[in-house]
């Protein structure tokens, strides 16, 4: 179905749809996995006052090599915020002791 026919059909059903120009969309899942869509097609639809978004594209999956518990341990042992603890764990490739050393050496 071509885009004009789709727009016409949606309009008849009372649904408004428009494409949103975006550069990237990132989902962060509860387990720390990131799904990054670069240059996706994003369509916003409005039906009965509710907005919804459809993302079309191939995600790039980035799974962190450490858990939320690891982040909490590093935060507790060093007194830093979550972002600093995460960054140190990324540099240390998930090694908690190494992450703590990275933080302590930078203070």
N, C-alpha and C. Protein backbone atom coordinates (compact mmCIF):
# COMPACT_ATOMS: atom_id res chain seq x y z
N UNK A 1 0.86 -1.18 0.00
CA UNK A 1 0.00 0.00 0.00
C UNK A 1 0.90 1.23 0.00
N UNK A 2 0.60 2.17 -0.89
CA UNK A 2 1.45 3.35 -0.93
C UNK A 2 1.09 4.30 0.22
N UNK A 3 2.01 5.19 0.58
CA UNK A 3 1.80 6.06 1.75
C UNK A 3 0.55 6.93 1.67
N UNK A 4 0.20 7.40 0.48
CA UNK A 4 -1.00 8.25 0.36
C UNK A 4 -2.27 7.46 0.65
N UNK A 5 -2.33 6.22 0.15
CA UNK A 5 -3.50 5.37 0.43
C UNK A 5 -3.60 5.08 1.92
N UNK A 6 -2.45 4.81 2.55
CA UNK A 6 -2.44 4.53 3.98
C UNK A 6 -2.92 5.74 4.77
N UNK A 7 -2.43 6.93 4.41
CA UNK A 7 -2.86 8.16 5.09
C UNK A 7 -4.37 8.35 4.95
N UNK A 8 -4.89 8.12 3.75
CA UNK A 8 -6.32 8.29 3.49
C UNK A 8 -7.14 7.31 4.33
N UNK A 9 -6.68 6.04 4.38
CA UNK A 9 -7.38 5.02 5.15
C UNK A 9 -7.37 5.35 6.65
N UNK A 10 -6.22 5.77 7.16
CA UNK A 10 -6.13 6.13 8.57
C UNK A 10 -7.02 7.32 8.90
N UNK A 11 -7.05 8.29 8.00
CA UNK A 11 -7.88 9.48 8.21
C UNK A 11 -9.35 9.10 8.29
N UNK A 12 -9.79 8.17 7.45
CA UNK A 12 -11.18 7.70 7.47
C UNK A 12 -11.52 7.04 8.81
N UNK A 13 -10.53 6.41 9.44
CA UNK A 13 -10.76 5.75 10.73
C UNK A 13 -10.56 6.72 11.91
N UNK A 14 -10.27 7.99 11.61
CA UNK A 14 -10.08 8.97 12.67
C UNK A 14 -8.70 8.93 13.29
N UNK A 15 -7.76 8.37 12.58
CA UNK A 15 -6.39 8.26 13.09
C UNK A 15 -5.49 9.19 12.29
N UNK A 16 -4.79 10.06 13.00
CA UNK A 16 -3.84 10.96 12.34
C UNK A 16 -2.46 10.35 12.45
N UNK A 17 -1.71 10.38 11.37
CA UNK A 17 -0.36 9.83 11.37
C UNK A 17 0.57 10.79 10.65
N UNK A 18 1.76 10.94 11.20
CA UNK A 18 2.77 11.76 10.52
C UNK A 18 4.15 11.21 10.85
N UNK A 19 5.07 11.37 9.92
CA UNK A 19 6.43 10.92 10.13
C UNK A 19 7.18 11.98 10.93
N UNK A 20 7.96 11.52 11.90
CA UNK A 20 8.75 12.40 12.75
C UNK A 20 10.21 12.29 12.33
N UNK A 21 10.86 13.40 11.98
CA UNK A 21 12.28 13.31 11.59
C UNK A 21 13.16 13.15 12.83
N UNK A 22 13.86 12.02 12.92
CA UNK A 22 14.75 11.77 14.06
C UNK A 22 16.10 11.25 13.56
N UNK A 23 17.13 11.46 14.37
CA UNK A 23 18.46 10.94 14.04
C UNK A 23 18.69 9.57 14.65
N UNK A 24 18.23 9.40 15.92
CA UNK A 24 18.38 8.10 16.56
C UNK A 24 17.36 7.95 17.68
N UNK A 25 17.07 6.70 18.00
CA UNK A 25 16.17 6.35 19.10
C UNK A 25 16.90 5.32 19.94
N UNK A 26 16.89 5.51 21.27
CA UNK A 26 17.57 4.58 22.16
C UNK A 26 16.59 4.09 23.21
N UNK A 27 16.50 2.77 23.36
CA UNK A 27 15.74 2.15 24.43
C UNK A 27 16.75 1.57 25.42
N UNK A 28 16.54 1.81 26.70
CA UNK A 28 17.36 1.19 27.72
C UNK A 28 16.46 0.23 28.49
N UNK A 29 16.74 -1.06 28.37
CA UNK A 29 15.93 -2.08 29.02
C UNK A 29 16.33 -2.22 30.49
N UNK A 30 15.48 -2.83 31.28
CA UNK A 30 15.74 -2.96 32.72
C UNK A 30 17.02 -3.71 33.04
N UNK A 31 17.44 -4.61 32.16
CA UNK A 31 18.66 -5.37 32.42
C UNK A 31 19.92 -4.63 31.96
N UNK A 32 19.76 -3.37 31.53
CA UNK A 32 20.90 -2.58 31.10
C UNK A 32 21.20 -2.66 29.62
N UNK A 33 20.52 -3.52 28.90
CA UNK A 33 20.72 -3.63 27.46
C UNK A 33 20.21 -2.37 26.77
N UNK A 34 20.99 -1.88 25.81
CA UNK A 34 20.57 -0.71 25.05
C UNK A 34 20.25 -1.15 23.62
N UNK A 35 19.12 -0.67 23.12
CA UNK A 35 18.75 -0.88 21.73
C UNK A 35 18.80 0.49 21.07
N UNK A 36 19.71 0.66 20.13
CA UNK A 36 19.91 1.95 19.47
C UNK A 36 19.52 1.82 18.01
N UNK A 37 18.61 2.68 17.57
CA UNK A 37 18.18 2.73 16.18
C UNK A 37 18.77 3.99 15.57
N UNK A 38 19.63 3.85 14.56
CA UNK A 38 20.24 5.00 13.90
C UNK A 38 19.48 5.29 12.62
N UNK A 39 19.06 6.54 12.47
CA UNK A 39 18.28 7.01 11.32
C UNK A 39 17.05 6.13 11.06
N UNK A 40 16.22 5.89 12.10
CA UNK A 40 15.02 5.08 11.89
C UNK A 40 13.90 5.90 11.27
N UNK A 41 12.90 5.22 10.79
CA UNK A 41 11.67 5.89 10.36
C UNK A 41 10.73 5.83 11.57
N UNK A 42 10.27 6.99 12.03
CA UNK A 42 9.38 7.06 13.19
C UNK A 42 8.08 7.70 12.74
N UNK A 43 6.98 7.00 13.03
CA UNK A 43 5.65 7.49 12.67
C UNK A 43 4.86 7.69 13.96
N UNK A 44 4.32 8.91 14.11
CA UNK A 44 3.47 9.22 15.26
C UNK A 44 2.02 9.09 14.81
N UNK A 45 1.24 8.34 15.58
CA UNK A 45 -0.19 8.23 15.29
C UNK A 45 -0.97 8.74 16.49
N UNK A 46 -2.11 9.37 16.20
CA UNK A 46 -2.98 9.87 17.25
C UNK A 46 -4.36 9.27 16.99
N UNK A 47 -4.84 8.48 17.95
CA UNK A 47 -6.15 7.87 17.85
C UNK A 47 -6.86 8.05 19.18
N UNK A 48 -8.02 8.64 19.15
CA UNK A 48 -8.82 8.90 20.35
C UNK A 48 -8.01 9.64 21.42
N UNK A 49 -7.21 10.61 20.97
CA UNK A 49 -6.44 11.44 21.88
C UNK A 49 -5.16 10.81 22.41
N UNK A 50 -4.88 9.58 22.06
CA UNK A 50 -3.67 8.90 22.54
C UNK A 50 -2.61 8.88 21.44
N UNK A 51 -1.39 9.29 21.80
CA UNK A 51 -0.27 9.25 20.85
C UNK A 51 0.47 7.93 21.00
N UNK A 52 0.88 7.39 19.86
CA UNK A 52 1.75 6.23 19.87
C UNK A 52 2.78 6.41 18.76
N UNK A 53 3.89 5.72 18.93
CA UNK A 53 5.00 5.87 17.99
C UNK A 53 5.43 4.50 17.48
N UNK A 54 5.68 4.44 16.19
CA UNK A 54 6.16 3.21 15.57
C UNK A 54 7.56 3.50 15.06
N UNK A 55 8.51 2.65 15.45
CA UNK A 55 9.90 2.81 15.03
C UNK A 55 10.23 1.69 14.07
N UNK A 56 10.73 2.07 12.89
CA UNK A 56 11.08 1.10 11.87
C UNK A 56 12.57 1.25 11.58
N UNK A 57 13.31 0.17 11.76
CA UNK A 57 14.74 0.20 11.52
C UNK A 57 15.40 -0.98 12.21
N UNK A 58 16.69 -1.11 11.99
CA UNK A 58 17.46 -2.21 12.59
C UNK A 58 18.14 -1.71 13.85
N UNK A 59 17.88 -2.36 14.99
CA UNK A 59 18.55 -1.92 16.22
C UNK A 59 19.97 -2.45 16.32
N UNK A 60 20.79 -1.66 16.98
CA UNK A 60 22.12 -2.09 17.36
C UNK A 60 22.00 -2.42 18.85
N UNK A 61 22.29 -3.65 19.22
CA UNK A 61 22.14 -4.09 20.61
C UNK A 61 23.46 -3.92 21.34
N UNK A 62 23.42 -3.22 22.47
CA UNK A 62 24.59 -3.03 23.31
C UNK A 62 24.27 -3.55 24.70
N UNK A 63 24.86 -4.66 25.07
CA UNK A 63 24.62 -5.26 26.39
C UNK A 63 25.79 -4.91 27.30
N UNK A 64 25.46 -4.36 28.47
CA UNK A 64 26.51 -4.03 29.42
C UNK A 64 27.09 -5.32 30.00
N UNK A 65 28.36 -5.27 30.32
CA UNK A 65 29.06 -6.44 30.84
C UNK A 65 28.99 -6.53 32.36
N UNK A 66 28.05 -5.80 32.96
CA UNK A 66 27.93 -5.81 34.42
C UNK A 66 26.46 -5.63 34.79
N UNK A 67 26.15 -5.95 36.04
CA UNK A 67 24.76 -5.91 36.50
C UNK A 67 24.48 -4.63 37.31
N UNK A 68 23.22 -4.43 37.61
CA UNK A 68 22.82 -3.31 38.47
C UNK A 68 23.45 -3.46 39.85
N UNK A 69 23.54 -4.69 40.30
CA UNK A 69 24.17 -4.95 41.61
C UNK A 69 25.63 -4.52 41.60
N UNK A 70 26.33 -4.76 40.50
CA UNK A 70 27.73 -4.32 40.38
C UNK A 70 27.82 -2.80 40.50
N UNK A 71 26.90 -2.09 39.86
CA UNK A 71 26.88 -0.63 39.92
C UNK A 71 26.68 -0.17 41.36
N UNK A 72 25.75 -0.80 42.06
CA UNK A 72 25.47 -0.43 43.45
C UNK A 72 26.68 -0.68 44.35
N UNK A 73 27.38 -1.78 44.12
CA UNK A 73 28.57 -2.08 44.92
C UNK A 73 29.62 -0.99 44.73
N UNK A 74 29.88 -0.63 43.48
CA UNK A 74 30.89 0.40 43.19
C UNK A 74 30.46 1.74 43.80
N UNK A 75 29.19 2.07 43.70
CA UNK A 75 28.70 3.32 44.28
C UNK A 75 28.90 3.33 45.80
N UNK A 76 28.56 2.21 46.44
CA UNK A 76 28.66 2.12 47.91
C UNK A 76 30.11 2.20 48.37
N UNK A 77 31.00 1.51 47.68
CA UNK A 77 32.41 1.47 48.09
C UNK A 77 33.16 2.77 47.83
N UNK A 78 32.69 3.54 46.84
CA UNK A 78 33.43 4.76 46.46
C UNK A 78 32.69 6.05 46.78
N UNK A 79 31.38 5.96 47.01
CA UNK A 79 30.61 7.17 47.30
C UNK A 79 30.32 8.03 46.09
N UNK A 80 30.43 7.46 44.88
CA UNK A 80 30.16 8.23 43.66
C UNK A 80 28.73 8.02 43.20
N UNK A 81 28.31 8.82 42.24
CA UNK A 81 26.96 8.69 41.69
C UNK A 81 26.90 7.53 40.69
N UNK A 82 25.69 7.21 40.26
CA UNK A 82 25.48 6.05 39.38
C UNK A 82 26.21 6.20 38.04
N UNK A 83 26.17 7.37 37.46
CA UNK A 83 26.81 7.57 36.16
C UNK A 83 28.31 7.34 36.24
N UNK A 84 28.94 7.85 37.30
CA UNK A 84 30.39 7.66 37.48
C UNK A 84 30.72 6.18 37.67
N UNK A 85 29.90 5.48 38.47
CA UNK A 85 30.12 4.05 38.70
C UNK A 85 29.98 3.27 37.39
N UNK A 86 28.95 3.59 36.60
CA UNK A 86 28.76 2.91 35.31
C UNK A 86 29.94 3.14 34.37
N UNK A 87 30.38 4.39 34.29
CA UNK A 87 31.50 4.72 33.41
C UNK A 87 32.76 3.97 33.81
N UNK A 88 33.01 3.89 35.12
CA UNK A 88 34.19 3.16 35.60
C UNK A 88 34.07 1.67 35.28
N UNK A 89 32.88 1.11 35.47
CA UNK A 89 32.68 -0.31 35.13
C UNK A 89 32.85 -0.56 33.64
N UNK A 90 32.43 0.38 32.82
CA UNK A 90 32.63 0.23 31.37
C UNK A 90 34.12 0.22 31.04
N UNK A 91 34.86 1.17 31.64
CA UNK A 91 36.30 1.23 31.40
C UNK A 91 36.98 -0.05 31.86
N UNK A 92 36.48 -0.60 32.98
CA UNK A 92 37.09 -1.80 33.57
C UNK A 92 36.52 -3.08 32.99
N UNK A 93 35.68 -2.96 31.97
CA UNK A 93 35.06 -4.12 31.32
C UNK A 93 34.35 -5.03 32.32
N UNK A 94 33.67 -4.39 33.30
CA UNK A 94 32.87 -5.14 34.26
C UNK A 94 33.59 -5.61 35.50
N UNK A 95 34.89 -5.36 35.59
CA UNK A 95 35.68 -5.79 36.76
C UNK A 95 35.44 -4.78 37.89
N UNK A 96 34.76 -5.24 38.97
CA UNK A 96 34.38 -4.34 40.06
C UNK A 96 35.61 -3.74 40.75
N UNK A 97 36.59 -4.57 41.07
CA UNK A 97 37.79 -4.09 41.76
C UNK A 97 38.52 -3.04 40.92
N UNK A 98 38.64 -3.32 39.64
CA UNK A 98 39.31 -2.38 38.73
C UNK A 98 38.53 -1.07 38.64
N UNK A 99 37.19 -1.15 38.60
CA UNK A 99 36.36 0.05 38.54
C UNK A 99 36.56 0.90 39.79
N UNK A 100 36.62 0.26 40.94
CA UNK A 100 36.84 0.98 42.20
C UNK A 100 38.21 1.67 42.17
N UNK A 101 39.22 0.98 41.68
CA UNK A 101 40.57 1.56 41.58
C UNK A 101 40.58 2.75 40.62
N UNK A 102 39.88 2.65 39.51
CA UNK A 102 39.81 3.76 38.55
C UNK A 102 39.22 4.99 39.22
N UNK A 103 38.16 4.79 39.98
CA UNK A 103 37.51 5.93 40.66
C UNK A 103 38.43 6.52 41.73
N UNK A 104 39.02 5.66 42.56
CA UNK A 104 39.87 6.15 43.64
C UNK A 104 41.11 6.87 43.11
N UNK A 105 41.65 6.41 42.00
CA UNK A 105 42.82 7.07 41.40
C UNK A 105 42.47 8.43 40.81
N UNK A 106 41.22 8.62 40.43
CA UNK A 106 40.81 9.90 39.82
C UNK A 106 40.41 10.95 40.86
N UNK A 107 40.31 10.53 42.12
CA UNK A 107 39.90 11.48 43.16
C UNK A 107 41.07 12.18 43.80
